[in-house]
Amino acid sequence: MSRLCLRFMPRSSTARHVMTAAVLLLAACGSAPPSPPEAIRQEITELRAAIGQTLGDPVREREAVAAADRLRDAALAFNARVTRFRTELRAMNARPDTQEAALRDLFSRFDADRNRLRSDILDAHFALVQASTAEDWVYLSKAEHKVLQAALRTE
């Protein structure tokens, strides 16, 4: 068996390095995607980097970073609330004795939390817009969009 492997192993060190890199790349591609909270944090890191690269004014940059931090907190809270709602709903649906009033209460609490968190997200969004120019927003909006997409993803 070892003779067979050696026969197909490249002889030059450059070819071996390329083959090793290809194997490592394939292994990395097979890893699990980040959890929704990890994805939100990663996208916020990208948004903060975009803020640093795009905004030239230190005052506007501080305002935008603060807004990005508020967006992170609201996106994480929204994602956690949606996840908890789905878990509670599945548990209620699994019980045949669940009362309609309990379901209505679950939806009512979720709607109230969703509205509050949506307002927090919008406040952070408008603070980001206010801290940027129209030219800046072209770049920052793409990064913000990725944060919001990550917030909507659940496990």
N, C-alpha and C. Protein backbone atom coordinates (compact mmCIF):
# COMPACT_ATOMS: atom_id res chain seq x y z
N MET A 1 0.82 -1.20 0.00
CA MET A 1 0.00 0.00 0.00
C MET A 1 0.86 1.26 0.00
N SER A 2 1.92 1.28 0.81
CA SER A 2 2.76 2.48 0.87
C SER A 2 3.46 2.73 -0.45
N ARG A 3 3.80 1.68 -1.19
CA ARG A 3 4.41 1.86 -2.50
C ARG A 3 3.45 2.56 -3.46
N LEU A 4 2.18 2.20 -3.36
CA LEU A 4 1.17 2.80 -4.22
C LEU A 4 1.05 4.30 -3.93
N CYS A 5 1.02 4.65 -2.65
CA CYS A 5 0.92 6.06 -2.27
C CYS A 5 2.15 6.83 -2.73
N LEU A 6 3.32 6.25 -2.54
CA LEU A 6 4.54 6.93 -2.95
C LEU A 6 4.61 7.11 -4.46
N ARG A 7 4.04 6.18 -5.17
CA ARG A 7 4.07 6.26 -6.63
C ARG A 7 3.31 7.49 -7.13
N PHE A 8 2.22 7.85 -6.44
CA PHE A 8 1.42 8.98 -6.89
C PHE A 8 1.77 10.29 -6.18
N MET A 9 2.68 10.24 -5.25
CA MET A 9 3.11 11.43 -4.54
C MET A 9 4.03 12.26 -5.42
N PRO A 10 3.79 13.56 -5.56
CA PRO A 10 4.65 14.40 -6.39
C PRO A 10 6.08 14.39 -5.85
N ARG A 11 7.03 14.51 -6.76
CA ARG A 11 8.44 14.45 -6.38
C ARG A 11 8.98 15.81 -5.96
N SER A 12 8.53 16.88 -6.57
CA SER A 12 9.08 18.20 -6.25
C SER A 12 8.43 18.75 -4.97
N SER A 13 9.20 19.55 -4.24
CA SER A 13 8.67 20.11 -3.00
C SER A 13 7.53 21.10 -3.30
N THR A 14 7.61 21.83 -4.39
CA THR A 14 6.54 22.76 -4.76
C THR A 14 5.24 22.02 -5.01
N ALA A 15 5.30 20.93 -5.73
CA ALA A 15 4.10 20.15 -6.00
C ALA A 15 3.53 19.57 -4.71
N ARG A 16 4.40 19.13 -3.80
CA ARG A 16 3.92 18.61 -2.52
C ARG A 16 3.25 19.72 -1.70
N HIS A 17 3.79 20.92 -1.75
CA HIS A 17 3.19 22.05 -1.03
C HIS A 17 1.82 22.39 -1.60
N VAL A 18 1.71 22.38 -2.91
CA VAL A 18 0.43 22.66 -3.56
C VAL A 18 -0.58 21.59 -3.19
N MET A 19 -0.16 20.33 -3.21
CA MET A 19 -1.06 19.24 -2.87
C MET A 19 -1.49 19.34 -1.41
N THR A 20 -0.58 19.67 -0.52
CA THR A 20 -0.91 19.83 0.89
C THR A 20 -1.89 20.98 1.08
N ALA A 21 -1.67 22.08 0.40
CA ALA A 21 -2.58 23.23 0.49
C ALA A 21 -3.97 22.86 -0.02
N ALA A 22 -4.02 22.08 -1.09
CA ALA A 22 -5.32 21.66 -1.63
C ALA A 22 -6.06 20.77 -0.64
N VAL A 23 -5.36 19.86 0.00
CA VAL A 23 -5.99 18.99 1.00
C VAL A 23 -6.50 19.81 2.17
N LEU A 24 -5.70 20.76 2.65
CA LEU A 24 -6.12 21.61 3.76
C LEU A 24 -7.31 22.48 3.39
N LEU A 25 -7.33 22.97 2.15
CA LEU A 25 -8.44 23.77 1.68
C LEU A 25 -9.72 22.95 1.64
N LEU A 26 -9.63 21.75 1.14
CA LEU A 26 -10.79 20.87 1.10
C LEU A 26 -11.29 20.55 2.51
N ALA A 27 -10.39 20.36 3.44
CA ALA A 27 -10.78 20.09 4.82
C ALA A 27 -11.48 21.30 5.43
N ALA A 28 -10.99 22.49 5.12
CA ALA A 28 -11.60 23.71 5.65
C ALA A 28 -12.99 23.93 5.07
N CYS A 29 -13.19 23.58 3.82
CA CYS A 29 -14.50 23.75 3.18
C CYS A 29 -15.53 22.81 3.79
N GLY A 30 -15.08 21.73 4.35
CA GLY A 30 -16.00 20.76 4.92
C GLY A 30 -16.41 21.08 6.34
N SER A 31 -15.88 22.15 6.93
CA SER A 31 -16.22 22.47 8.31
C SER A 31 -17.63 23.04 8.38
N ALA A 32 -18.21 22.94 9.56
CA ALA A 32 -19.59 23.40 9.77
C ALA A 32 -19.64 24.93 9.69
N PRO A 33 -20.74 25.47 9.19
CA PRO A 33 -20.87 26.93 9.16
C PRO A 33 -21.00 27.46 10.59
N PRO A 34 -20.70 28.73 10.79
CA PRO A 34 -20.79 29.28 12.15
C PRO A 34 -22.25 29.31 12.61
N SER A 35 -22.44 29.26 13.91
CA SER A 35 -23.78 29.39 14.47
C SER A 35 -24.30 30.79 14.15
N PRO A 36 -25.62 31.01 14.22
CA PRO A 36 -26.13 32.36 13.94
C PRO A 36 -25.49 33.45 14.81
N PRO A 37 -25.34 33.26 16.13
CA PRO A 37 -24.66 34.32 16.90
C PRO A 37 -23.22 34.55 16.45
N GLU A 38 -22.50 33.47 16.13
CA GLU A 38 -21.13 33.64 15.63
C GLU A 38 -21.13 34.38 14.30
N ALA A 39 -22.08 34.05 13.43
CA ALA A 39 -22.17 34.72 12.13
C ALA A 39 -22.47 36.21 12.31
N ILE A 40 -23.35 36.54 13.25
CA ILE A 40 -23.66 37.95 13.52
C ILE A 40 -22.40 38.68 13.98
N ARG A 41 -21.68 38.07 14.91
CA ARG A 41 -20.45 38.71 15.40
C ARG A 41 -19.42 38.87 14.29
N GLN A 42 -19.30 37.86 13.42
CA GLN A 42 -18.36 37.96 12.30
C GLN A 42 -18.75 39.09 11.35
N GLU A 43 -20.04 39.18 11.05
CA GLU A 43 -20.49 40.23 10.13
C GLU A 43 -20.36 41.62 10.75
N ILE A 44 -20.55 41.72 12.06
CA ILE A 44 -20.35 43.01 12.73
C ILE A 44 -18.87 43.40 12.66
N THR A 45 -17.99 42.42 12.80
CA THR A 45 -16.56 42.70 12.66
C THR A 45 -16.26 43.24 11.27
N GLU A 46 -16.91 42.65 10.25
CA GLU A 46 -16.74 43.14 8.87
C GLU A 46 -17.32 44.55 8.72
N LEU A 47 -18.47 44.80 9.34
CA LEU A 47 -19.08 46.13 9.27
C LEU A 47 -18.16 47.16 9.93
N ARG A 48 -17.62 46.81 11.09
CA ARG A 48 -16.71 47.74 11.77
C ARG A 48 -15.47 48.01 10.92
N ALA A 49 -14.96 46.97 10.25
CA ALA A 49 -13.81 47.15 9.36
C ALA A 49 -14.17 48.07 8.21
N ALA A 50 -15.38 47.89 7.65
CA ALA A 50 -15.83 48.76 6.55
C ALA A 50 -15.97 50.20 7.04
N ILE A 51 -16.42 50.38 8.26
CA ILE A 51 -16.54 51.73 8.82
C ILE A 51 -15.15 52.37 8.90
N GLY A 52 -14.19 51.61 9.40
CA GLY A 52 -12.83 52.13 9.53
C GLY A 52 -12.19 52.47 8.20
N GLN A 53 -12.52 51.69 7.17
CA GLN A 53 -11.94 51.92 5.85
C GLN A 53 -12.66 53.01 5.07
N THR A 54 -13.93 53.23 5.39
CA THR A 54 -14.75 54.13 4.57
C THR A 54 -14.84 55.54 5.13
N LEU A 55 -15.11 55.63 6.43
CA LEU A 55 -15.31 56.95 7.02
C LEU A 55 -13.96 57.58 7.37
N GLY A 56 -13.77 58.79 6.95
CA GLY A 56 -12.50 59.47 7.21
C GLY A 56 -12.54 60.34 8.46
N ASP A 57 -13.71 60.74 8.85
CA ASP A 57 -13.88 61.65 9.99
C ASP A 57 -13.95 60.84 11.29
N PRO A 58 -13.06 61.11 12.26
CA PRO A 58 -13.06 60.33 13.50
C PRO A 58 -14.36 60.44 14.30
N VAL A 59 -15.01 61.59 14.25
CA VAL A 59 -16.27 61.77 14.99
C VAL A 59 -17.35 60.89 14.37
N ARG A 60 -17.48 60.94 13.05
CA ARG A 60 -18.49 60.10 12.37
C ARG A 60 -18.16 58.63 12.54
N GLU A 61 -16.88 58.31 12.55
CA GLU A 61 -16.46 56.91 12.72
C GLU A 61 -16.87 56.39 14.10
N ARG A 62 -16.66 57.20 15.15
CA ARG A 62 -17.07 56.80 16.50
C ARG A 62 -18.59 56.59 16.58
N GLU A 63 -19.33 57.50 15.95
CA GLU A 63 -20.79 57.37 15.94
C GLU A 63 -21.22 56.10 15.21
N ALA A 64 -20.58 55.82 14.09
CA ALA A 64 -20.94 54.64 13.31
C ALA A 64 -20.57 53.35 14.04
N VAL A 65 -19.43 53.33 14.71
CA VAL A 65 -19.02 52.14 15.47
C VAL A 65 -20.00 51.91 16.63
N ALA A 66 -20.41 52.97 17.29
CA ALA A 66 -21.39 52.85 18.37
C ALA A 66 -22.72 52.30 17.83
N ALA A 67 -23.12 52.77 16.65
CA ALA A 67 -24.34 52.26 16.03
C ALA A 67 -24.19 50.79 15.64
N ALA A 68 -23.01 50.43 15.15
CA ALA A 68 -22.76 49.02 14.80
C ALA A 68 -22.83 48.14 16.04
N ASP A 69 -22.34 48.63 17.17
CA ASP A 69 -22.42 47.87 18.41
C ASP A 69 -23.87 47.71 18.87
N ARG A 70 -24.67 48.77 18.71
CA ARG A 70 -26.10 48.66 19.04
C ARG A 70 -26.80 47.69 18.09
N LEU A 71 -26.41 47.73 16.82
CA LEU A 71 -26.96 46.80 15.85
C LEU A 71 -26.62 45.36 16.22
N ARG A 72 -25.36 45.14 16.63
CA ARG A 72 -24.95 43.80 17.06
C ARG A 72 -25.81 43.31 18.22
N ASP A 73 -25.98 44.15 19.24
CA ASP A 73 -26.77 43.76 20.41
C ASP A 73 -28.21 43.45 20.03
N ALA A 74 -28.80 44.30 19.20
CA ALA A 74 -30.19 44.09 18.78
C ALA A 74 -30.32 42.86 17.89
N ALA A 75 -29.37 42.64 17.00
CA ALA A 75 -29.42 41.48 16.11
C ALA A 75 -29.27 40.18 16.90
N LEU A 76 -28.38 40.17 17.87
CA LEU A 76 -28.21 38.98 18.72
C LEU A 76 -29.47 38.72 19.54
N ALA A 77 -30.05 39.78 20.09
CA ALA A 77 -31.28 39.62 20.88
C ALA A 77 -32.43 39.16 20.00
N PHE A 78 -32.53 39.70 18.79
CA PHE A 78 -33.60 39.29 17.87
C PHE A 78 -33.45 37.81 17.52
N ASN A 79 -32.24 37.41 17.16
CA ASN A 79 -32.00 36.02 16.80
C ASN A 79 -32.33 35.09 17.95
N ALA A 80 -31.92 35.45 19.16
CA ALA A 80 -32.21 34.62 20.34
C ALA A 80 -33.71 34.54 20.58
N ARG A 81 -34.41 35.66 20.38
CA ARG A 81 -35.86 35.68 20.63
C ARG A 81 -36.59 34.82 19.61
N VAL A 82 -36.22 34.88 18.35
CA VAL A 82 -36.85 34.05 17.33
C VAL A 82 -36.59 32.57 17.61
N THR A 83 -35.37 32.25 18.00
CA THR A 83 -35.02 30.87 18.33
C THR A 83 -35.85 30.37 19.51
N ARG A 84 -35.96 31.20 20.55
CA ARG A 84 -36.76 30.81 21.72
C ARG A 84 -38.24 30.64 21.35
N PHE A 85 -38.76 31.55 20.52
CA PHE A 85 -40.15 31.44 20.09
C PHE A 85 -40.40 30.13 19.35
N ARG A 86 -39.52 29.78 18.44
CA ARG A 86 -39.69 28.54 17.67
C ARG A 86 -39.63 27.32 18.59
N THR A 87 -38.75 27.34 19.56
CA THR A 87 -38.64 26.23 20.51
C THR A 87 -39.93 26.10 21.32
N GLU A 88 -40.42 27.23 21.83
CA GLU A 88 -41.65 27.22 22.62
C GLU A 88 -42.84 26.78 21.78
N LEU A 89 -42.91 27.24 20.55
CA LEU A 89 -44.02 26.87 19.67
C LEU A 89 -44.00 25.38 19.36
N ARG A 90 -42.82 24.84 19.07
CA ARG A 90 -42.72 23.39 18.81
C ARG A 90 -43.16 22.58 20.03
N ALA A 91 -42.75 23.04 21.21
CA ALA A 91 -43.13 22.33 22.44
C ALA A 91 -44.64 22.37 22.64
N MET A 92 -45.24 23.52 22.39
CA MET A 92 -46.70 23.64 22.55
C MET A 92 -47.43 22.79 21.52
N ASN A 93 -46.94 22.80 20.29
CA ASN A 93 -47.59 22.00 19.24
C ASN A 93 -47.47 20.51 19.50
N ALA A 94 -46.44 20.10 20.23
CA ALA A 94 -46.25 18.68 20.52
C ALA A 94 -47.20 18.19 21.61
N ARG A 95 -47.76 19.12 22.38
CA ARG A 95 -48.69 18.72 23.45
C ARG A 95 -50.13 18.84 22.95
N PRO A 96 -50.87 17.75 22.97
CA PRO A 96 -52.26 17.81 22.49
C PRO A 96 -53.18 18.61 23.41
N ASP A 97 -52.77 18.86 24.66
CA ASP A 97 -53.63 19.58 25.60
C ASP A 97 -53.36 21.08 25.62
N THR A 98 -52.57 21.60 24.68
CA THR A 98 -52.27 23.03 24.64
C THR A 98 -53.55 23.80 24.35
N GLN A 99 -53.77 24.82 25.16
CA GLN A 99 -54.97 25.65 25.03
C GLN A 99 -54.72 26.78 24.02
N GLU A 100 -55.78 27.18 23.37
CA GLU A 100 -55.68 28.28 22.40
C GLU A 100 -55.18 29.55 23.07
N ALA A 101 -55.60 29.79 24.30
CA ALA A 101 -55.18 30.99 25.03
C ALA A 101 -53.66 31.00 25.24
N ALA A 102 -53.08 29.85 25.48
CA ALA A 102 -51.63 29.77 25.67
C ALA A 102 -50.90 30.11 24.37
N LEU A 103 -51.41 29.63 23.25
CA LEU A 103 -50.81 29.97 21.95
C LEU A 103 -50.95 31.45 21.65
N ARG A 104 -52.11 32.00 21.93
CA ARG A 104 -52.30 33.44 21.70
C ARG A 104 -51.35 34.26 22.56
N ASP A 105 -51.15 33.83 23.81
CA ASP A 105 -50.23 34.52 24.70
C ASP A 105 -48.80 34.44 24.18
N LEU A 106 -48.41 33.26 23.70
CA LEU A 106 -47.08 33.07 23.13
C LEU A 106 -46.86 34.03 21.96
N PHE A 107 -47.82 34.07 21.04
CA PHE A 107 -47.69 34.96 19.88
C PHE A 107 -47.72 36.43 20.29
N SER A 108 -48.52 36.76 21.27
CA SER A 108 -48.61 38.15 21.72
C SER A 108 -47.28 38.60 22.33
N ARG A 109 -46.69 37.77 23.17
CA ARG A 109 -45.39 38.11 23.76
C ARG A 109 -44.31 38.21 22.69
N PHE A 110 -44.34 37.28 21.74
CA PHE A 110 -43.35 37.33 20.67
C PHE A 110 -43.50 38.60 19.83
N ASP A 111 -44.73 38.96 19.49
CA ASP A 111 -44.96 40.17 18.69
C ASP A 111 -44.46 41.42 19.41
N ALA A 112 -44.70 41.50 20.72
CA ALA A 112 -44.25 42.67 21.49
C ALA A 112 -42.73 42.74 21.49
N ASP A 113 -42.07 41.61 21.73
CA ASP A 113 -40.61 41.58 21.72
C ASP A 113 -40.06 41.89 20.33
N ARG A 114 -40.69 41.33 19.30
CA ARG A 114 -40.25 41.54 17.92
C ARG A 114 -40.35 43.02 17.54
N ASN A 115 -41.44 43.66 17.93
CA ASN A 115 -41.62 45.08 17.63
C ASN A 115 -40.57 45.94 18.33
N ARG A 116 -40.27 45.63 19.59
CA ARG A 116 -39.26 46.38 20.34
C ARG A 116 -37.88 46.19 19.69
N LEU A 117 -37.56 44.95 19.35
CA LEU A 117 -36.24 44.67 18.75
C LEU A 117 -36.13 45.26 17.34
N ARG A 118 -37.23 45.22 16.59
CA ARG A 118 -37.22 45.85 15.27
C ARG A 118 -36.95 47.34 15.39
N SER A 119 -37.54 47.97 16.40
CA SER A 119 -37.30 49.40 16.64
C SER A 119 -35.84 49.65 16.99
N ASP A 120 -35.25 48.77 17.81
CA ASP A 120 -33.83 48.91 18.16
C ASP A 120 -32.95 48.77 16.92
N ILE A 121 -33.27 47.83 16.06
CA ILE A 121 -32.50 47.63 14.82
C ILE A 121 -32.64 48.84 13.91
N LEU A 122 -33.85 49.36 13.78
CA LEU A 122 -34.05 50.54 12.94
C LEU A 122 -33.31 51.76 13.49
N ASP A 123 -33.31 51.93 14.83
CA ASP A 123 -32.57 53.04 15.43
C ASP A 123 -31.08 52.95 15.09
N ALA A 124 -30.53 51.74 15.21
CA ALA A 124 -29.11 51.55 14.88
C ALA A 124 -28.86 51.80 13.39
N HIS A 125 -29.79 51.33 12.56
CA HIS A 125 -29.68 51.55 11.10
C HIS A 125 -29.64 53.04 10.78
N PHE A 126 -30.58 53.79 11.33
CA PHE A 126 -30.63 55.22 11.02
C PHE A 126 -29.42 55.97 11.59
N ALA A 127 -28.88 55.50 12.70
CA ALA A 127 -27.65 56.11 13.23
C ALA A 127 -26.48 55.85 12.29
N LEU A 128 -26.42 54.66 11.72
CA LEU A 128 -25.38 54.36 10.73
C LEU A 128 -25.53 55.25 9.49
N VAL A 129 -26.75 55.38 9.02
CA VAL A 129 -27.00 56.22 7.85
C VAL A 129 -26.61 57.66 8.14
N GLN A 130 -26.98 58.15 9.32
CA GLN A 130 -26.69 59.54 9.67
C GLN A 130 -25.18 59.79 9.78
N ALA A 131 -24.43 58.78 10.20
CA ALA A 131 -22.98 58.96 10.36
C ALA A 131 -22.22 58.85 9.05
N SER A 132 -22.90 58.48 7.98
CA SER A 132 -22.22 58.27 6.70
C SER A 132 -22.75 59.22 5.62
N THR A 133 -21.95 59.38 4.59
CA THR A 133 -22.39 60.13 3.42
C THR A 133 -23.04 59.14 2.45
N ALA A 134 -23.62 59.65 1.40
CA ALA A 134 -24.23 58.78 0.40
C ALA A 134 -23.19 57.84 -0.21
N GLU A 135 -21.99 58.35 -0.44
CA GLU A 135 -20.93 57.51 -1.02
C GLU A 135 -20.49 56.43 -0.03
N ASP A 136 -20.39 56.81 1.26
CA ASP A 136 -20.02 55.84 2.29
C ASP A 136 -21.07 54.73 2.40
N TRP A 137 -22.33 55.15 2.31
CA TRP A 137 -23.42 54.21 2.55
C TRP A 137 -23.46 53.09 1.50
N VAL A 138 -22.97 53.36 0.31
CA VAL A 138 -22.91 52.33 -0.72
C VAL A 138 -22.16 51.11 -0.19
N TYR A 139 -21.07 51.32 0.53
CA TYR A 139 -20.25 50.23 1.06
C TYR A 139 -20.80 49.70 2.39
N LEU A 140 -21.19 50.63 3.26
CA LEU A 140 -21.65 50.21 4.59
C LEU A 140 -22.97 49.45 4.52
N SER A 141 -23.83 49.80 3.58
CA SER A 141 -25.13 49.12 3.50
C SER A 141 -24.97 47.64 3.16
N LYS A 142 -23.97 47.32 2.36
CA LYS A 142 -23.73 45.90 2.03
C LYS A 142 -23.32 45.12 3.26
N ALA A 143 -22.47 45.71 4.08
CA ALA A 143 -22.03 45.05 5.31
C ALA A 143 -23.19 44.95 6.31
N GLU A 144 -24.00 46.00 6.39
CA GLU A 144 -25.16 45.96 7.29
C GLU A 144 -26.14 44.88 6.84
N HIS A 145 -26.34 44.76 5.55
CA HIS A 145 -27.26 43.75 5.02
C HIS A 145 -26.84 42.35 5.45
N LYS A 146 -25.54 42.08 5.44
CA LYS A 146 -25.05 40.76 5.85
C LYS A 146 -25.32 40.51 7.34
N VAL A 147 -25.22 41.55 8.16
CA VAL A 147 -25.54 41.41 9.58
C VAL A 147 -27.01 41.03 9.74
N LEU A 148 -27.87 41.72 9.01
CA LEU A 148 -29.30 41.45 9.13
C LEU A 148 -29.66 40.06 8.61
N GLN A 149 -29.00 39.62 7.56
CA GLN A 149 -29.23 38.27 7.07
C GLN A 149 -28.83 37.24 8.11
N ALA A 150 -27.71 37.46 8.77
CA ALA A 150 -27.26 36.54 9.82
C ALA A 150 -28.23 36.53 10.99
N ALA A 151 -28.83 37.67 11.29
CA ALA A 151 -29.79 37.74 12.41
C ALA A 151 -31.05 36.95 12.14
N LEU A 152 -31.41 36.82 10.86
CA LEU A 152 -32.63 36.09 10.50
C LEU A 152 -32.41 34.57 10.44
N ARG A 153 -31.16 34.16 10.40
CA ARG A 153 -30.86 32.73 10.32
C ARG A 153 -31.00 32.08 11.69
N THR A 154 -31.63 30.95 11.75
CA THR A 154 -31.71 30.20 13.00
C THR A 154 -31.14 28.81 12.78
N GLU A 155 -30.84 28.16 13.87
CA GLU A 155 -30.22 26.84 13.76
C GLU A 155 -31.23 25.77 13.45
